[in-house]
Amino acid sequence: MKEQGCKQKDIALKIGKDKSVISRELSRNCDKRSMEYKADLAQRKYQQRQRDKPKHISFC
């Protein structure tokens, strides 16, 4: 939607999320070199962040 020229506000209304969610998603997952948002790159970045998260250790 962004590459079609839609504004963040319009995207937010269309998918039922706040515009801050869209802004955060674009800034977090944008390709730093080309400054473009690509869903497959965003998914890979998300999976990498999940792998890098510290594991929860329970002492019960």
PDB file of N, CA and C in Angstrom:
ATOM      1  N   MET A   1       0.812  -1.192   0.000  1.00  0.00           N
ATOM      2  CA  MET A   1       0.000   0.000   0.000  1.00  0.00           C
ATOM      3  C   MET A   1       0.863   1.268   0.000  1.00  0.00           C
ATOM      4  N   LYS A   2       1.951   1.202   0.739  1.00  0.00           N
ATOM      5  CA  LYS A   2       2.836   2.369   0.816  1.00  0.00           C
ATOM      6  C   LYS A   2       3.429   2.679  -0.553  1.00  0.00           C
ATOM      7  N   GLU A   3       3.833   1.638  -1.289  1.00  0.00           N
ATOM      8  CA  GLU A   3       4.424   1.880  -2.606  1.00  0.00           C
ATOM      9  C   GLU A   3       3.394   2.375  -3.618  1.00  0.00           C
ATOM     10  N   GLN A   4       2.105   2.217  -3.295  1.00  0.00           N
ATOM     11  CA  GLN A   4       1.048   2.721  -4.166  1.00  0.00           C
ATOM     12  C   GLN A   4       0.718   4.181  -3.873  1.00  0.00           C
ATOM     13  N   GLY A   5       1.438   4.758  -2.905  1.00  0.00           N
ATOM     14  CA  GLY A   5       1.257   6.170  -2.605  1.00  0.00           C
ATOM     15  C   GLY A   5       0.290   6.461  -1.471  1.00  0.00           C
ATOM     16  N   CYS A   6      -0.192   5.420  -0.786  1.00  0.00           N
ATOM     17  CA  CYS A   6      -1.094   5.642   0.348  1.00  0.00           C
ATOM     18  C   CYS A   6      -0.334   6.245   1.521  1.00  0.00           C
ATOM     19  N   LYS A   7      -1.002   7.113   2.252  1.00  0.00           N
ATOM     20  CA  LYS A   7      -0.411   7.701   3.443  1.00  0.00           C
ATOM     21  C   LYS A   7      -0.568   6.727   4.606  1.00  0.00           C
ATOM     22  N   GLN A   8       0.268   6.894   5.616  1.00  0.00           N
ATOM     23  CA  GLN A   8       0.222   6.015   6.783  1.00  0.00           C
ATOM     24  C   GLN A   8      -1.158   6.049   7.438  1.00  0.00           C
ATOM     25  N   LYS A   9      -1.769   7.211   7.492  1.00  0.00           N
ATOM     26  CA  LYS A   9      -3.100   7.362   8.081  1.00  0.00           C
ATOM     27  C   LYS A   9      -4.127   6.522   7.318  1.00  0.00           C
ATOM     28  N   ASP A  10      -4.053   6.539   5.987  1.00  0.00           N
ATOM     29  CA  ASP A  10      -4.982   5.773   5.160  1.00  0.00           C
ATOM     30  C   ASP A  10      -4.776   4.271   5.345  1.00  0.00           C
ATOM     31  N   ILE A  11      -3.522   3.853   5.434  1.00  0.00           N
ATOM     32  CA  ILE A  11      -3.214   2.436   5.654  1.00  0.00           C
ATOM     33  C   ILE A  11      -3.780   1.994   6.997  1.00  0.00           C
ATOM     34  N   ALA A  12      -3.595   2.827   8.023  1.00  0.00           N
ATOM     35  CA  ALA A  12      -4.082   2.509   9.366  1.00  0.00           C
ATOM     36  C   ALA A  12      -5.599   2.343   9.375  1.00  0.00           C
ATOM     37  N   LEU A  13      -6.303   3.243   8.714  1.00  0.00           N
ATOM     38  CA  LEU A  13      -7.759   3.141   8.647  1.00  0.00           C
ATOM     39  C   LEU A  13      -8.191   1.875   7.917  1.00  0.00           C
ATOM     40  N   LYS A  14      -7.492   1.559   6.843  1.00  0.00           N
ATOM     41  CA  LYS A  14      -7.847   0.395   6.017  1.00  0.00           C
ATOM     42  C   LYS A  14      -7.702  -0.919   6.783  1.00  0.00           C
ATOM     43  N   ILE A  15      -6.636  -1.044   7.599  1.00  0.00           N
ATOM     44  CA  ILE A  15      -6.409  -2.313   8.299  1.00  0.00           C
ATOM     45  C   ILE A  15      -6.868  -2.285   9.758  1.00  0.00           C
ATOM     46  N   GLY A  16      -7.418  -1.149  10.199  1.00  0.00           N
ATOM     47  CA  GLY A  16      -7.985  -1.073  11.537  1.00  0.00           C
ATOM     48  C   GLY A  16      -6.969  -0.978  12.661  1.00  0.00           C
ATOM     49  N   LYS A  17      -5.855  -0.328  12.398  1.00  0.00           N
ATOM     50  CA  LYS A  17      -4.814  -0.124  13.416  1.00  0.00           C
ATOM     51  C   LYS A  17      -4.561   1.368  13.573  1.00  0.00           C
ATOM     52  N   ASP A  18      -3.913   1.732  14.682  1.00  0.00           N
ATOM     53  CA  ASP A  18      -3.556   3.128  14.899  1.00  0.00           C
ATOM     54  C   ASP A  18      -2.409   3.513  13.966  1.00  0.00           C
ATOM     55  N   LYS A  19      -2.361   4.785  13.595  1.00  0.00           N
ATOM     56  CA  LYS A  19      -1.304   5.240  12.680  1.00  0.00           C
ATOM     57  C   LYS A  19       0.084   5.094  13.285  1.00  0.00           C
ATOM     58  N   SER A  20       0.189   5.096  14.620  1.00  0.00           N
ATOM     59  CA  SER A  20       1.497   4.915  15.260  1.00  0.00           C
ATOM     60  C   SER A  20       2.028   3.500  15.040  1.00  0.00           C
ATOM     61  N   VAL A  21       1.129   2.523  14.932  1.00  0.00           N
ATOM     62  CA  VAL A  21       1.538   1.141  14.662  1.00  0.00           C
ATOM     63  C   VAL A  21       2.166   1.048  13.276  1.00  0.00           C
ATOM     64  N   ILE A  22       1.557   1.720  12.322  1.00  0.00           N
ATOM     65  CA  ILE A  22       2.068   1.717  10.951  1.00  0.00           C
ATOM     66  C   ILE A  22       3.425   2.407  10.899  1.00  0.00           C
ATOM     67  N   SER A  23       3.526   3.545  11.565  1.00  0.00           N
ATOM     68  CA  SER A  23       4.789   4.283  11.598  1.00  0.00           C
ATOM     69  C   SER A  23       5.906   3.440  12.206  1.00  0.00           C
ATOM     70  N   ARG A  24       5.603   2.778  13.317  1.00  0.00           N
ATOM     71  CA  ARG A  24       6.597   1.946  13.996  1.00  0.00           C
ATOM     72  C   ARG A  24       7.019   0.769  13.117  1.00  0.00           C
ATOM     73  N   GLU A  25       6.047   0.132  12.470  1.00  0.00           N
ATOM     74  CA  GLU A  25       6.345  -1.002  11.588  1.00  0.00           C
ATOM     75  C   GLU A  25       7.243  -0.576  10.433  1.00  0.00           C
ATOM     76  N   LEU A  26       6.946   0.554   9.830  1.00  0.00           N
ATOM     77  CA  LEU A  26       7.748   1.024   8.703  1.00  0.00           C
ATOM     78  C   LEU A  26       9.155   1.404   9.134  1.00  0.00           C
ATOM     79  N   SER A  27       9.279   2.078  10.266  1.00  0.00           N
ATOM     80  CA  SER A  27      10.617   2.489  10.701  1.00  0.00           C
ATOM     81  C   SER A  27      11.437   1.307  11.191  1.00  0.00           C
ATOM     82  N   ARG A  28      10.792   0.340  11.820  1.00  0.00           N
ATOM     83  CA  ARG A  28      11.508  -0.817  12.350  1.00  0.00           C
ATOM     84  C   ARG A  28      11.964  -1.765  11.241  1.00  0.00           C
ATOM     85  N   ASN A  29      11.170  -1.891  10.202  1.00  0.00           N
ATOM     86  CA  ASN A  29      11.423  -2.930   9.208  1.00  0.00           C
ATOM     87  C   ASN A  29      11.746  -2.411   7.816  1.00  0.00           C
ATOM     88  N   CYS A  30      12.034  -1.161   7.695  1.00  0.00           N
ATOM     89  CA  CYS A  30      12.394  -0.577   6.407  1.00  0.00           C
ATOM     90  C   CYS A  30      13.821  -0.986   6.039  1.00  0.00           C
ATOM     91  N   ASP A  31      14.055  -1.245   4.766  1.00  0.00           N
ATOM     92  CA  ASP A  31      15.410  -1.527   4.295  1.00  0.00           C
ATOM     93  C   ASP A  31      16.213  -0.238   4.403  1.00  0.00           C
ATOM     94  N   LYS A  32      17.290  -0.270   5.162  1.00  0.00           N
ATOM     95  CA  LYS A  32      18.055   0.948   5.453  1.00  0.00           C
ATOM     96  C   LYS A  32      18.749   1.529   4.220  1.00  0.00           C
ATOM     97  N   ARG A  33      19.111   0.683   3.277  1.00  0.00           N
ATOM     98  CA  ARG A  33      19.801   1.183   2.080  1.00  0.00           C
ATOM     99  C   ARG A  33      18.844   1.832   1.092  1.00  0.00           C
ATOM    100  N   SER A  34      17.781   1.120   0.757  1.00  0.00           N
ATOM    101  CA  SER A  34      16.855   1.639  -0.252  1.00  0.00           C
ATOM    102  C   SER A  34      15.706   2.446   0.352  1.00  0.00           C
ATOM    103  N   MET A  35      15.559   2.410   1.685  1.00  0.00           N
ATOM    104  CA  MET A  35      14.478   3.096   2.393  1.00  0.00           C
ATOM    105  C   MET A  35      13.102   2.641   1.906  1.00  0.00           C
ATOM    106  N   GLU A  36      12.998   1.363   1.541  1.00  0.00           N
ATOM    107  CA  GLU A  36      11.730   0.789   1.104  1.00  0.00           C
ATOM    108  C   GLU A  36      11.279  -0.261   2.104  1.00  0.00           C
ATOM    109  N   TYR A  37       9.963  -0.407   2.246  1.00  0.00           N
ATOM    110  CA  TYR A  37       9.403  -1.451   3.101  1.00  0.00           C
ATOM    111  C   TYR A  37       9.105  -2.662   2.234  1.00  0.00           C
ATOM    112  N   LYS A  38       9.599  -3.802   2.654  1.00  0.00           N
ATOM    113  CA  LYS A  38       9.330  -5.055   1.947  1.00  0.00           C
ATOM    114  C   LYS A  38       8.867  -6.074   2.977  1.00  0.00           C
ATOM    115  N   ALA A  39       7.719  -6.688   2.733  1.00  0.00           N
ATOM    116  CA  ALA A  39       7.123  -7.606   3.701  1.00  0.00           C
ATOM    117  C   ALA A  39       8.029  -8.794   3.999  1.00  0.00           C
ATOM    118  N   ASP A  40       8.690  -9.357   2.981  1.00  0.00           N
ATOM    119  CA  ASP A  40       9.549 -10.520   3.229  1.00  0.00           C
ATOM    120  C   ASP A  40      10.751 -10.143   4.096  1.00  0.00           C
ATOM    121  N   LEU A  41      11.304  -8.965   3.887  1.00  0.00           N
ATOM    122  CA  LEU A  41      12.403  -8.491   4.723  1.00  0.00           C
ATOM    123  C   LEU A  41      11.914  -8.248   6.151  1.00  0.00           C
ATOM    124  N   ALA A  42      10.724  -7.660   6.288  1.00  0.00           N
ATOM    125  CA  ALA A  42      10.153  -7.415   7.613  1.00  0.00           C
ATOM    126  C   ALA A  42       9.949  -8.728   8.357  1.00  0.00           C
ATOM    127  N   GLN A  43       9.486  -9.757   7.668  1.00  0.00           N
ATOM    128  CA  GLN A  43       9.285 -11.066   8.294  1.00  0.00           C
ATOM    129  C   GLN A  43      10.612 -11.659   8.752  1.00  0.00           C
ATOM    130  N   ARG A  44      11.643 -11.563   7.929  1.00  0.00           N
ATOM    131  CA  ARG A  44      12.966 -12.085   8.319  1.00  0.00           C
ATOM    132  C   ARG A  44      13.518 -11.340   9.529  1.00  0.00           C
ATOM    133  N   LYS A  45      13.346 -10.015   9.547  1.00  0.00           N
ATOM    134  CA  LYS A  45      13.814  -9.228  10.691  1.00  0.00           C
ATOM    135  C   LYS A  45      13.065  -9.629  11.961  1.00  0.00           C
ATOM    136  N   TYR A  46      11.765  -9.846  11.845  1.00  0.00           N
ATOM    137  CA  TYR A  46      10.963 -10.277  12.992  1.00  0.00           C
ATOM    138  C   TYR A  46      11.458 -11.620  13.522  1.00  0.00           C
ATOM    139  N   GLN A  47      11.668 -12.578  12.624  1.00  0.00           N
ATOM    140  CA  GLN A  47      12.134 -13.901  13.040  1.00  0.00           C
ATOM    141  C   GLN A  47      13.515 -13.821  13.684  1.00  0.00           C
ATOM    142  N   GLN A  48      14.383 -12.964  13.171  1.00  0.00           N
ATOM    143  CA  GLN A  48      15.711 -12.794  13.759  1.00  0.00           C
ATOM    144  C   GLN A  48      15.603 -12.213  15.166  1.00  0.00           C
ATOM    145  N   ARG A  49      14.718 -11.225  15.337  1.00  0.00           N
ATOM    146  CA  ARG A  49      14.528 -10.647  16.675  1.00  0.00           C
ATOM    147  C   ARG A  49      13.999 -11.689  17.646  1.00  0.00           C
ATOM    148  N   GLN A  50      13.122 -12.583  17.170  1.00  0.00           N
ATOM    149  CA  GLN A  50      12.595 -13.633  18.038  1.00  0.00           C
ATOM    150  C   GLN A  50      13.697 -14.607  18.446  1.00  0.00           C
ATOM    151  N   ARG A  51      14.580 -14.944  17.512  1.00  0.00           N
ATOM    152  CA  ARG A  51      15.693 -15.854  17.827  1.00  0.00           C
ATOM    153  C   ARG A  51      16.674 -15.209  18.795  1.00  0.00           C
ATOM    154  N   ASP A  52      16.892 -13.915  18.662  1.00  0.00           N
ATOM    155  CA  ASP A  52      17.875 -13.210  19.477  1.00  0.00           C
ATOM    156  C   ASP A  52      17.377 -12.873  20.881  1.00  0.00           C
ATOM    157  N   LYS A  53      16.068 -12.993  21.114  1.00  0.00           N
ATOM    158  CA  LYS A  53      15.525 -12.659  22.430  1.00  0.00           C
ATOM    159  C   LYS A  53      16.064 -13.615  23.486  1.00  0.00           C
ATOM    160  N   PRO A  54      16.353 -13.113  24.675  1.00  0.00           N
ATOM    161  CA  PRO A  54      16.794 -14.016  25.744  1.00  0.00           C
ATOM    162  C   PRO A  54      15.659 -14.971  26.119  1.00  0.00           C
ATOM    163  N   LYS A  55      16.020 -16.189  26.405  1.00  0.00           N
ATOM    164  CA  LYS A  55      15.032 -17.196  26.782  1.00  0.00           C
ATOM    165  C   LYS A  55      14.631 -16.990  28.237  1.00  0.00           C
ATOM    166  N   HIS A  56      13.358 -17.211  28.527  1.00  0.00           N
ATOM    167  CA  HIS A  56      12.864 -17.070  29.894  1.00  0.00           C
ATOM    168  C   HIS A  56      13.265 -18.304  30.695  1.00  0.00           C
ATOM    169  N   ILE A  57      13.909 -18.078  31.815  1.00  0.00           N
ATOM    170  CA  ILE A  57      14.324 -19.174  32.686  1.00  0.00           C
ATOM    171  C   ILE A  57      13.479 -19.113  33.946  1.00  0.00           C
ATOM    172  N   SER A  58      12.846 -20.220  34.274  1.00  0.00           N
ATOM    173  CA  SER A  58      11.981 -20.273  35.442  1.00  0.00           C
ATOM    174  C   SER A  58      12.653 -21.059  36.560  1.00  0.00           C
ATOM    175  N   PHE A  59      12.647 -20.505  37.743  1.00  0.00           N
ATOM    176  CA  PHE A  59      13.195 -21.171  38.916  1.00  0.00           C
ATOM    177  C   PHE A  59      12.045 -21.483  39.864  1.00  0.00           C
ATOM    178  N   CYS A  60      11.415 -22.637  39.656  1.00  0.00           N
ATOM    179  CA  CYS A  60      10.312 -22.970  40.555  1.00  0.00           C
ATOM    180  C   CYS A  60      10.558 -24.238  41.325  1.00  0.00           C
TER     181      CYS A  60
END
